[in-house]
Amino acid sequence: IAELAELIIPETDTPGAKAAGVDHYIIDVMISCNPVRQQHKFFSG
């Protein structure tokens, strides 16, 4: 997830998604704020 996020927002002269800790955010939101169907679809993806 961290590598994928870094591909979407790479590090340039500003910090990238990996440095910003976006992977923790994505996992926390997927677990806490999404229905089971969406979690399953994300994990299957």
All heavy atoms as atom14 arrays in JSON, in Angstrom:
{
  "sequence": "IAELAELIIPETDTPGAKAAGVDHYIIDVMISCNPVRQQHKFFSG",
  "atom14_mask": [
    [1, 1, 1, 1, 1, 1, 1, 1, 0, 0, 0, 0, 0, 0],
    [1, 1, 1, 1, 1, 0, 0, 0, 0, 0, 0, 0, 0, 0],
    [1, 1, 1, 1, 1, 1, 1, 1, 1, 0, 0, 0, 0, 0],
    [1, 1, 1, 1, 1, 1, 1, 1, 0, 0, 0, 0, 0, 0],
    [1, 1, 1, 1, 1, 0, 0, 0, 0, 0, 0, 0, 0, 0],
    [1, 1, 1, 1, 1, 1, 1, 1, 1, 0, 0, 0, 0, 0],
    [1, 1, 1, 1, 1, 1, 1, 1, 0, 0, 0, 0, 0, 0],
    [1, 1, 1, 1, 1, 1, 1, 1, 0, 0, 0, 0, 0, 0],
    [1, 1, 1, 1, 1, 1, 1, 1, 0, 0, 0, 0, 0, 0],
    [1, 1, 1, 1, 1, 1, 1, 0, 0, 0, 0, 0, 0, 0],
    [1, 1, 1, 1, 1, 1, 1, 1, 1, 0, 0, 0, 0, 0],
    [1, 1, 1, 1, 1, 1, 1, 0, 0, 0, 0, 0, 0, 0],
    [1, 1, 1, 1, 1, 1, 1, 1, 0, 0, 0, 0, 0, 0],
    [1, 1, 1, 1, 1, 1, 1, 0, 0, 0, 0, 0, 0, 0],
    [1, 1, 1, 1, 1, 1, 1, 0, 0, 0, 0, 0, 0, 0],
    [1, 1, 1, 1, 0, 0, 0, 0, 0, 0, 0, 0, 0, 0],
    [1, 1, 1, 1, 1, 0, 0, 0, 0, 0, 0, 0, 0, 0],
    [1, 1, 1, 1, 1, 1, 1, 1, 1, 0, 0, 0, 0, 0],
    [1, 1, 1, 1, 1, 0, 0, 0, 0, 0, 0, 0, 0, 0],
    [1, 1, 1, 1, 1, 0, 0, 0, 0, 0, 0, 0, 0, 0],
    [1, 1, 1, 1, 0, 0, 0, 0, 0, 0, 0, 0, 0, 0],
    [1, 1, 1, 1, 1, 1, 1, 0, 0, 0, 0, 0, 0, 0],
    [1, 1, 1, 1, 1, 1, 1, 1, 0, 0, 0, 0, 0, 0],
    [1, 1, 1, 1, 1, 1, 1, 1, 1, 1, 0, 0, 0, 0],
    [1, 1, 1, 1, 1, 1, 1, 1, 1, 1, 1, 1, 0, 0],
    [1, 1, 1, 1, 1, 1, 1, 1, 0, 0, 0, 0, 0, 0],
    [1, 1, 1, 1, 1, 1, 1, 1, 0, 0, 0, 0, 0, 0],
    [1, 1, 1, 1, 1, 1, 1, 1, 0, 0, 0, 0, 0, 0],
    [1, 1, 1, 1, 1, 1, 1, 0, 0, 0, 0, 0, 0, 0],
    [1, 1, 1, 1, 1, 1, 1, 1, 0, 0, 0, 0, 0, 0],
    [1, 1, 1, 1, 1, 1, 1, 1, 0, 0, 0, 0, 0, 0],
    [1, 1, 1, 1, 1, 1, 0, 0, 0, 0, 0, 0, 0, 0],
    [1, 1, 1, 1, 1, 1, 0, 0, 0, 0, 0, 0, 0, 0],
    [1, 1, 1, 1, 1, 1, 1, 1, 0, 0, 0, 0, 0, 0],
    [1, 1, 1, 1, 1, 1, 1, 0, 0, 0, 0, 0, 0, 0],
    [1, 1, 1, 1, 1, 1, 1, 0, 0, 0, 0, 0, 0, 0],
    [1, 1, 1, 1, 1, 1, 1, 1, 1, 1, 1, 0, 0, 0],
    [1, 1, 1, 1, 1, 1, 1, 1, 1, 0, 0, 0, 0, 0],
    [1, 1, 1, 1, 1, 1, 1, 1, 1, 0, 0, 0, 0, 0],
    [1, 1, 1, 1, 1, 1, 1, 1, 1, 1, 0, 0, 0, 0],
    [1, 1, 1, 1, 1, 1, 1, 1, 1, 0, 0, 0, 0, 0],
    [1, 1, 1, 1, 1, 1, 1, 1, 1, 1, 1, 0, 0, 0],
    [1, 1, 1, 1, 1, 1, 1, 1, 1, 1, 1, 0, 0, 0],
    [1, 1, 1, 1, 1, 1, 0, 0, 0, 0, 0, 0, 0, 0],
    [1, 1, 1, 1, 0, 0, 0, 0, 0, 0, 0, 0, 0, 0]
  ],
  "atom14_positions": [
    [[0.85, -1.2, 0.0], [0.0, 0.0, 0.0], [0.88, 1.25, 0.0], [0.59, 2.22, -0.7], [-0.97, -0.02, 1.2], [-1.98, -1.16, 1.04], [-1.69, 1.31, 1.36], [-2.83, -1.42, 2.26], [0.0, 0.0, 0.0], [0.0, 0.0, 0.0], [0.0, 0.0, 0.0], [0.0, 0.0, 0.0], [0.0, 0.0, 0.0], [0.0, 0.0, 0.0]],
    [[1.97, 1.23, 0.76], [2.88, 2.38, 0.8], [3.51, 2.62, -0.57], [3.62, 3.76, -1.02], [3.96, 2.16, 1.85], [0.0, 0.0, 0.0], [0.0, 0.0, 0.0], [0.0, 0.0, 0.0], [0.0, 0.0, 0.0], [0.0, 0.0, 0.0], [0.0, 0.0, 0.0], [0.0, 0.0, 0.0], [0.0, 0.0, 0.0], [0.0, 0.0, 0.0]],
    [[3.92, 1.55, -1.26], [4.51, 1.7, -2.59], [3.49, 2.24, -3.59], [3.81, 3.08, -4.43], [5.06, 0.36, -3.09], [6.39, -0.01, -2.51], [7.49, 0.97, -2.88], [7.58, 1.39, -4.05], [8.28, 1.32, -1.98], [0.0, 0.0, 0.0], [0.0, 0.0, 0.0], [0.0, 0.0, 0.0], [0.0, 0.0, 0.0], [0.0, 0.0, 0.0]],
    [[2.27, 1.73, -3.52], [1.22, 2.21, -4.43], [0.92, 3.69, -4.19], [0.76, 4.46, -5.14], [-0.05, 1.36, -4.26], [0.05, -0.08, -4.73], [-1.16, -0.87, -4.26], [0.17, -0.13, -6.24], [0.0, 0.0, 0.0], [0.0, 0.0, 0.0], [0.0, 0.0, 0.0], [0.0, 0.0, 0.0], [0.0, 0.0, 0.0], [0.0, 0.0, 0.0]],
    [[0.83, 4.07, -2.92], [0.57, 5.48, -2.6], [1.71, 6.36, -3.08], [1.48, 7.47, -3.59], [0.35, 5.64, -1.1], [0.0, 0.0, 0.0], [0.0, 0.0, 0.0], [0.0, 0.0, 0.0], [0.0, 0.0, 0.0], [0.0, 0.0, 0.0], [0.0, 0.0, 0.0], [0.0, 0.0, 0.0], [0.0, 0.0, 0.0], [0.0, 0.0, 0.0]],
    [[2.93, 5.86, -2.97], [4.1, 6.64, -3.43], [4.1, 6.78, -4.94], [4.56, 7.78, -5.48], [5.39, 5.96, -2.95], [6.64, 6.75, -3.22], [6.78, 8.01, -2.36], [6.14, 8.11, -1.3], [7.53, 8.91, -2.78], [0.0, 0.0, 0.0], [0.0, 0.0, 0.0], [0.0, 0.0, 0.0], [0.0, 0.0, 0.0], [0.0, 0.0, 0.0]],
    [[3.57, 5.78, -5.65], [3.45, 5.9, -7.11], [2.41, 6.96, -7.49], [2.55, 7.64, -8.51], [3.07, 4.56, -7.73], [4.17, 3.51, -7.76], [3.59, 2.17, -8.2], [5.3, 3.92, -8.67], [0.0, 0.0, 0.0], [0.0, 0.0, 0.0], [0.0, 0.0, 0.0], [0.0, 0.0, 0.0], [0.0, 0.0, 0.0], [0.0, 0.0, 0.0]],
    [[1.38, 7.1, -6.68], [0.33, 8.08, -6.96], [0.82, 9.49, -6.62], [0.64, 10.43, -7.39], [-0.96, 7.72, -6.21], [-1.53, 6.41, -6.77], [-2.0, 8.83, -6.33], [-2.68, 5.84, -5.99], [0.0, 0.0, 0.0], [0.0, 0.0, 0.0], [0.0, 0.0, 0.0], [0.0, 0.0, 0.0], [0.0, 0.0, 0.0], [0.0, 0.0, 0.0]],
    [[1.44, 9.65, -5.45], [2.0, 10.95, -5.05], [3.48, 10.73, -4.74], [3.86, 10.46, -3.6], [1.27, 11.55, -3.83], [-0.2, 11.73, -4.12], [1.9, 12.9, -3.46], [-1.01, 12.27, -2.97], [0.0, 0.0, 0.0], [0.0, 0.0, 0.0], [0.0, 0.0, 0.0], [0.0, 0.0, 0.0], [0.0, 0.0, 0.0], [0.0, 0.0, 0.0]],
    [[4.34, 10.84, -5.77], [5.77, 10.57, -5.54], [6.47, 11.74, -4.84], [5.98, 12.86, -4.85], [6.31, 10.38, -6.96], [5.39, 11.16, -7.82], [4.04, 11.12, -7.15], [0.0, 0.0, 0.0], [0.0, 0.0, 0.0], [0.0, 0.0, 0.0], [0.0, 0.0, 0.0], [0.0, 0.0, 0.0], [0.0, 0.0, 0.0], [0.0, 0.0, 0.0]],
    [[7.61, 11.43, -4.28], [8.42, 12.46, -3.64], [9.15, 13.26, -4.71], [9.81, 12.71, -5.58], [9.43, 11.83, -2.69], [10.23, 12.85, -1.93], [11.08, 12.22, -0.85], [10.86, 11.04, -0.52], [11.96, 12.92, -0.34], [0.0, 0.0, 0.0], [0.0, 0.0, 0.0], [0.0, 0.0, 0.0], [0.0, 0.0, 0.0], [0.0, 0.0, 0.0]],
    [[8.99, 14.56, -4.68], [9.69, 15.48, -5.59], [10.39, 16.49, -4.7], [11.05, 16.11, -3.75], [8.71, 16.14, -6.57], [7.68, 16.8, -5.83], [8.08, 15.11, -7.51], [0.0, 0.0, 0.0], [0.0, 0.0, 0.0], [0.0, 0.0, 0.0], [0.0, 0.0, 0.0], [0.0, 0.0, 0.0], [0.0, 0.0, 0.0], [0.0, 0.0, 0.0]],
    [[10.18, 17.77, -4.95], [10.71, 18.78, -4.04], [9.84, 18.87, -2.79], [10.2, 19.52, -1.82], [10.83, 20.14, -4.73], [9.5, 20.63, -5.3], [8.63, 19.77, -5.56], [9.36, 21.84, -5.5], [0.0, 0.0, 0.0], [0.0, 0.0, 0.0], [0.0, 0.0, 0.0], [0.0, 0.0, 0.0], [0.0, 0.0, 0.0], [0.0, 0.0, 0.0]],
    [[8.68, 18.21, -2.82], [7.82, 18.1, -1.65], [7.79, 16.63, -1.23], [8.07, 15.75, -2.03], [6.38, 18.57, -1.97], [5.86, 17.78, -3.02], [6.36, 20.04, -2.35], [0.0, 0.0, 0.0], [0.0, 0.0, 0.0], [0.0, 0.0, 0.0], [0.0, 0.0, 0.0], [0.0, 0.0, 0.0], [0.0, 0.0, 0.0], [0.0, 0.0, 0.0]],
    [[7.47, 16.34, 0.02], [7.46, 14.95, 0.47], [6.38, 14.14, -0.26], [5.34, 14.67, -0.64], [7.16, 15.03, 1.96], [6.79, 16.43, 2.25], [7.16, 17.27, 1.08], [0.0, 0.0, 0.0], [0.0, 0.0, 0.0], [0.0, 0.0, 0.0], [0.0, 0.0, 0.0], [0.0, 0.0, 0.0], [0.0, 0.0, 0.0], [0.0, 0.0, 0.0]],
    [[6.65, 12.86, -0.43], [5.7, 11.98, -1.09], [4.74, 11.35, -0.1], [4.75, 11.64, 1.11], [0.0, 0.0, 0.0], [0.0, 0.0, 0.0], [0.0, 0.0, 0.0], [0.0, 0.0, 0.0], [0.0, 0.0, 0.0], [0.0, 0.0, 0.0], [0.0, 0.0, 0.0], [0.0, 0.0, 0.0], [0.0, 0.0, 0.0], [0.0, 0.0, 0.0]],
    [[3.91, 10.46, -0.61], [2.88, 9.82, 0.22], [3.5, 8.91, 1.28], [2.98, 8.79, 2.38], [1.93, 9.04, -0.66], [0.0, 0.0, 0.0], [0.0, 0.0, 0.0], [0.0, 0.0, 0.0], [0.0, 0.0, 0.0], [0.0, 0.0, 0.0], [0.0, 0.0, 0.0], [0.0, 0.0, 0.0], [0.0, 0.0, 0.0], [0.0, 0.0, 0.0]],
    [[4.61, 8.28, 0.95], [5.24, 7.38, 1.91], [5.78, 8.17, 3.11], [5.61, 7.75, 4.26], [6.37, 6.61, 1.24], [6.81, 5.38, 2.0], [7.99, 4.69, 1.34], [7.55, 3.91, 0.13], [8.66, 3.09, -0.43], [0.0, 0.0, 0.0], [0.0, 0.0, 0.0], [0.0, 0.0, 0.0], [0.0, 0.0, 0.0], [0.0, 0.0, 0.0]],
    [[6.4, 9.3, 2.86], [6.93, 10.13, 3.95], [5.8, 10.71, 4.8], [5.98, 10.93, 6.0], [7.78, 11.25, 3.38], [0.0, 0.0, 0.0], [0.0, 0.0, 0.0], [0.0, 0.0, 0.0], [0.0, 0.0, 0.0], [0.0, 0.0, 0.0], [0.0, 0.0, 0.0], [0.0, 0.0, 0.0], [0.0, 0.0, 0.0], [0.0, 0.0, 0.0]],
    [[4.65, 10.95, 4.19], [3.51, 11.52, 4.92], [2.75, 10.47, 5.72], [1.82, 10.8, 6.45], [2.58, 12.23, 3.94], [0.0, 0.0, 0.0], [0.0, 0.0, 0.0], [0.0, 0.0, 0.0], [0.0, 0.0, 0.0], [0.0, 0.0, 0.0], [0.0, 0.0, 0.0], [0.0, 0.0, 0.0], [0.0, 0.0, 0.0], [0.0, 0.0, 0.0]],
    [[3.11, 9.19, 5.58], [2.44, 8.14, 6.33], [1.05, 7.82, 5.83], [0.17, 7.43, 6.6], [0.0, 0.0, 0.0], [0.0, 0.0, 0.0], [0.0, 0.0, 0.0], [0.0, 0.0, 0.0], [0.0, 0.0, 0.0], [0.0, 0.0, 0.0], [0.0, 0.0, 0.0], [0.0, 0.0, 0.0], [0.0, 0.0, 0.0], [0.0, 0.0, 0.0]],
    [[0.84, 7.95, 4.54], [-0.48, 7.73, 3.96], [-0.9, 6.27, 4.07], [-2.09, 5.97, 4.2], [-0.49, 8.21, 2.48], [-1.76, 7.83, 1.78], [-0.29, 9.71, 2.43], [0.0, 0.0, 0.0], [0.0, 0.0, 0.0], [0.0, 0.0, 0.0], [0.0, 0.0, 0.0], [0.0, 0.0, 0.0], [0.0, 0.0, 0.0], [0.0, 0.0, 0.0]],
    [[0.05, 5.34, 4.09], [-0.3, 3.92, 4.19], [-1.04, 3.62, 5.5], [-2.02, 2.87, 5.5], [0.95, 3.04, 4.05], [2.07, 3.45, 4.99], [2.15, 4.64, 5.36], [2.88, 2.58, 5.34], [0.0, 0.0, 0.0], [0.0, 0.0, 0.0], [0.0, 0.0, 0.0], [0.0, 0.0, 0.0], [0.0, 0.0, 0.0], [0.0, 0.0, 0.0]],
    [[-0.62, 4.23, 6.6], [-1.33, 4.05, 7.88], [-2.76, 4.61, 7.77], [-3.71, 3.99, 8.25], [-0.6, 4.76, 9.02], [0.69, 4.11, 9.38], [0.76, 2.98, 10.15], [1.96, 4.44, 9.08], [2.02, 2.63, 10.31], [2.77, 3.5, 9.66], [0.0, 0.0, 0.0], [0.0, 0.0, 0.0], [0.0, 0.0, 0.0], [0.0, 0.0, 0.0]],
    [[-2.88, 5.76, 7.15], [-4.2, 6.38, 7.0], [-5.12, 5.48, 6.18], [-6.28, 5.26, 6.55], [-4.05, 7.75, 6.32], [-5.37, 8.42, 6.05], [-6.05, 9.09, 7.06], [-5.97, 8.35, 4.8], [-7.27, 9.69, 6.83], [-7.2, 8.94, 4.55], [-7.84, 9.62, 5.57], [-9.05, 10.2, 5.33], [0.0, 0.0, 0.0], [0.0, 0.0, 0.0]],
    [[-4.62, 4.95, 5.06], [-5.45, 4.11, 4.19], [-5.94, 2.88, 4.94], [-7.13, 2.54, 4.91], [-4.67, 3.71, 2.92], [-4.43, 4.92, 2.03], [-5.41, 2.61, 2.15], [-3.5, 4.67, 0.86], [0.0, 0.0, 0.0], [0.0, 0.0, 0.0], [0.0, 0.0, 0.0], [0.0, 0.0, 0.0], [0.0, 0.0, 0.0], [0.0, 0.0, 0.0]],
    [[-5.05, 2.22, 5.66], [-5.44, 1.01, 6.39], [-6.42, 1.34, 7.5], [-7.43, 0.65, 7.69], [-4.19, 0.28, 6.93], [-3.36, -0.23, 5.75], [-4.58, -0.87, 7.85], [-2.01, -0.76, 6.13], [0.0, 0.0, 0.0], [0.0, 0.0, 0.0], [0.0, 0.0, 0.0], [0.0, 0.0, 0.0], [0.0, 0.0, 0.0], [0.0, 0.0, 0.0]],
    [[-6.17, 2.41, 8.25], [-7.08, 2.8, 9.33], [-8.47, 3.12, 8.8], [-9.48, 2.71, 9.38], [-6.53, 4.0, 10.1], [-5.37, 3.63, 11.01], [-5.22, 2.43, 11.31], [-4.62, 4.54, 11.4], [0.0, 0.0, 0.0], [0.0, 0.0, 0.0], [0.0, 0.0, 0.0], [0.0, 0.0, 0.0], [0.0, 0.0, 0.0], [0.0, 0.0, 0.0]],
    [[-8.55, 3.85, 7.71], [-9.85, 4.21, 7.14], [-10.55, 2.97, 6.59], [-11.76, 2.8, 6.75], [-9.71, 5.31, 6.06], [-10.98, 5.48, 5.28], [-9.31, 6.62, 6.71], [0.0, 0.0, 0.0], [0.0, 0.0, 0.0], [0.0, 0.0, 0.0], [0.0, 0.0, 0.0], [0.0, 0.0, 0.0], [0.0, 0.0, 0.0], [0.0, 0.0, 0.0]],
    [[-9.81, 2.09, 5.94], [-10.42, 0.88, 5.39], [-11.0, 0.02, 6.51], [-12.09, -0.52, 6.38], [-9.4, 0.07, 4.59], [-9.08, 0.62, 3.24], [-10.51, 0.93, 2.18], [-11.26, -0.66, 2.06], [0.0, 0.0, 0.0], [0.0, 0.0, 0.0], [0.0, 0.0, 0.0], [0.0, 0.0, 0.0], [0.0, 0.0, 0.0], [0.0, 0.0, 0.0]],
    [[-10.29, -0.11, 7.61], [-10.76, -0.95, 8.72], [-11.89, -0.28, 9.48], [-12.9, -0.91, 9.8], [-9.58, -1.28, 9.67], [-8.59, -2.19, 8.97], [-10.08, -1.92, 10.96], [-7.29, -2.38, 9.73], [0.0, 0.0, 0.0], [0.0, 0.0, 0.0], [0.0, 0.0, 0.0], [0.0, 0.0, 0.0], [0.0, 0.0, 0.0], [0.0, 0.0, 0.0]],
    [[-11.76, 1.0, 9.77], [-12.69, 1.67, 10.69], [-13.9, 2.31, 10.01], [-14.94, 2.44, 10.64], [-11.95, 2.76, 11.47], [-10.87, 2.21, 12.16], [0.0, 0.0, 0.0], [0.0, 0.0, 0.0], [0.0, 0.0, 0.0], [0.0, 0.0, 0.0], [0.0, 0.0, 0.0], [0.0, 0.0, 0.0], [0.0, 0.0, 0.0], [0.0, 0.0, 0.0]],
    [[-13.78, 2.73, 8.77], [-14.81, 3.59, 8.19], [-15.47, 3.03, 6.93], [-16.25, 3.74, 6.31], [-14.21, 4.95, 7.86], [-13.44, 5.77, 9.25], [0.0, 0.0, 0.0], [0.0, 0.0, 0.0], [0.0, 0.0, 0.0], [0.0, 0.0, 0.0], [0.0, 0.0, 0.0], [0.0, 0.0, 0.0], [0.0, 0.0, 0.0], [0.0, 0.0, 0.0]],
    [[-15.14, 1.83, 6.52], [-15.72, 1.29, 5.3], [-16.53, 0.04, 5.59], [-16.17, -0.75, 6.47], [-14.61, 0.95, 4.29], [-14.11, 2.19, 3.59], [-14.77, 2.71, 2.71], [-12.95, 2.68, 4.01], [0.0, 0.0, 0.0], [0.0, 0.0, 0.0], [0.0, 0.0, 0.0], [0.0, 0.0, 0.0], [0.0, 0.0, 0.0], [0.0, 0.0, 0.0]],
    [[-17.59, -0.18, 4.81], [-18.38, -1.4, 5.01], [-17.57, -2.64, 4.6], [-16.56, -2.54, 3.9], [-19.59, -1.2, 4.09], [-19.21, -0.14, 3.14], [-18.16, 0.69, 3.79], [0.0, 0.0, 0.0], [0.0, 0.0, 0.0], [0.0, 0.0, 0.0], [0.0, 0.0, 0.0], [0.0, 0.0, 0.0], [0.0, 0.0, 0.0], [0.0, 0.0, 0.0]],
    [[-18.05, -3.78, 5.02], [-17.36, -5.04, 4.79], [-17.14, -5.29, 3.3], [-16.08, -5.74, 2.89], [-18.15, -6.2, 5.44], [-17.56, -7.54, 5.07], [-18.17, -6.03, 6.94], [0.0, 0.0, 0.0], [0.0, 0.0, 0.0], [0.0, 0.0, 0.0], [0.0, 0.0, 0.0], [0.0, 0.0, 0.0], [0.0, 0.0, 0.0], [0.0, 0.0, 0.0]],
    [[-18.15, -4.98, 2.48], [-18.02, -5.19, 1.04], [-16.85, -4.41, 0.45], [-16.1, -4.9, -0.36], [-19.31, -4.78, 0.33], [-20.17, -5.95, 0.0], [-21.32, -5.5, -0.85], [-22.49, -5.58, 0.01], [-23.56, -4.84, -0.09], [-23.64, -3.94, -1.02], [-24.56, -4.99, 0.72], [0.0, 0.0, 0.0], [0.0, 0.0, 0.0], [0.0, 0.0, 0.0]],
    [[-16.72, -3.14, 0.87], [-15.64, -2.31, 0.36], [-14.29, -2.81, 0.84], [-13.32, -2.82, 0.1], [-15.85, -0.85, 0.77], [-14.83, 0.09, 0.19], [-14.91, 0.17, -1.32], [-15.95, 0.49, -1.87], [-13.82, -0.1, -2.0], [0.0, 0.0, 0.0], [0.0, 0.0, 0.0], [0.0, 0.0, 0.0], [0.0, 0.0, 0.0], [0.0, 0.0, 0.0]],
    [[-14.21, -3.25, 2.09], [-12.97, -3.81, 2.61], [-12.56, -5.04, 1.8], [-11.4, -5.19, 1.42], [-13.13, -4.21, 4.07], [-13.28, -3.09, 5.04], [-13.56, -3.6, 6.44], [-13.43, -4.78, 6.73], [-13.97, -2.7, 7.32], [0.0, 0.0, 0.0], [0.0, 0.0, 0.0], [0.0, 0.0, 0.0], [0.0, 0.0, 0.0], [0.0, 0.0, 0.0]],
    [[-13.53, -5.9, 1.55], [-13.25, -7.12, 0.79], [-12.82, -6.8, -0.64], [-11.88, -7.4, -1.17], [-14.48, -8.03, 0.78], [-14.26, -9.32, 0.08], [-13.48, -10.31, 0.6], [-14.68, -9.76, -1.12], [-13.44, -11.32, -0.24], [-14.16, -11.02, -1.3], [0.0, 0.0, 0.0], [0.0, 0.0, 0.0], [0.0, 0.0, 0.0], [0.0, 0.0, 0.0]],
    [[-13.47, -5.82, -1.25], [-13.11, -5.44, -2.62], [-11.7, -4.86, -2.66], [-10.93, -5.14, -3.58], [-14.12, -4.44, -3.17], [-14.01, -4.26, -4.65], [-15.26, -3.65, -5.22], [-15.19, -3.65, -6.73], [-16.39, -3.16, -7.33], [0.0, 0.0, 0.0], [0.0, 0.0, 0.0], [0.0, 0.0, 0.0], [0.0, 0.0, 0.0], [0.0, 0.0, 0.0]],
    [[-11.34, -4.05, -1.68], [-10.01, -3.47, -1.61], [-8.96, -4.56, -1.42], [-7.93, -4.58, -2.11], [-9.94, -2.44, -0.48], [-8.67, -1.66, -0.44], [-8.49, -0.56, -1.27], [-7.64, -2.0, 0.42], [-7.32, 0.17, -1.25], [-6.46, -1.28, 0.46], [-6.31, -0.19, -0.38], [0.0, 0.0, 0.0], [0.0, 0.0, 0.0], [0.0, 0.0, 0.0]],
    [[-9.2, -5.48, -0.49], [-8.25, -6.55, -0.24], [-8.13, -7.47, -1.46], [-7.02, -7.9, -1.81], [-8.67, -7.34, 1.01], [-7.65, -8.35, 1.44], [-6.48, -7.96, 2.04], [-7.87, -9.71, 1.23], [-5.52, -8.88, 2.43], [-6.92, -10.63, 1.61], [-5.75, -10.23, 2.22], [0.0, 0.0, 0.0], [0.0, 0.0, 0.0], [0.0, 0.0, 0.0]],
    [[-9.24, -7.74, -2.12], [-9.19, -8.56, -3.34], [-8.39, -7.85, -4.42], [-7.67, -8.49, -5.19], [-10.6, -8.84, -3.85], [-11.3, -9.63, -2.95], [0.0, 0.0, 0.0], [0.0, 0.0, 0.0], [0.0, 0.0, 0.0], [0.0, 0.0, 0.0], [0.0, 0.0, 0.0], [0.0, 0.0, 0.0], [0.0, 0.0, 0.0], [0.0, 0.0, 0.0]],
    [[-8.52, -6.52, -4.49], [-7.75, -5.75, -5.45], [-6.26, -5.85, -5.18], [-5.46, -5.96, -6.12], [0.0, 0.0, 0.0], [0.0, 0.0, 0.0], [0.0, 0.0, 0.0], [0.0, 0.0, 0.0], [0.0, 0.0, 0.0], [0.0, 0.0, 0.0], [0.0, 0.0, 0.0], [0.0, 0.0, 0.0], [0.0, 0.0, 0.0], [0.0, 0.0, 0.0]]
  ]
}
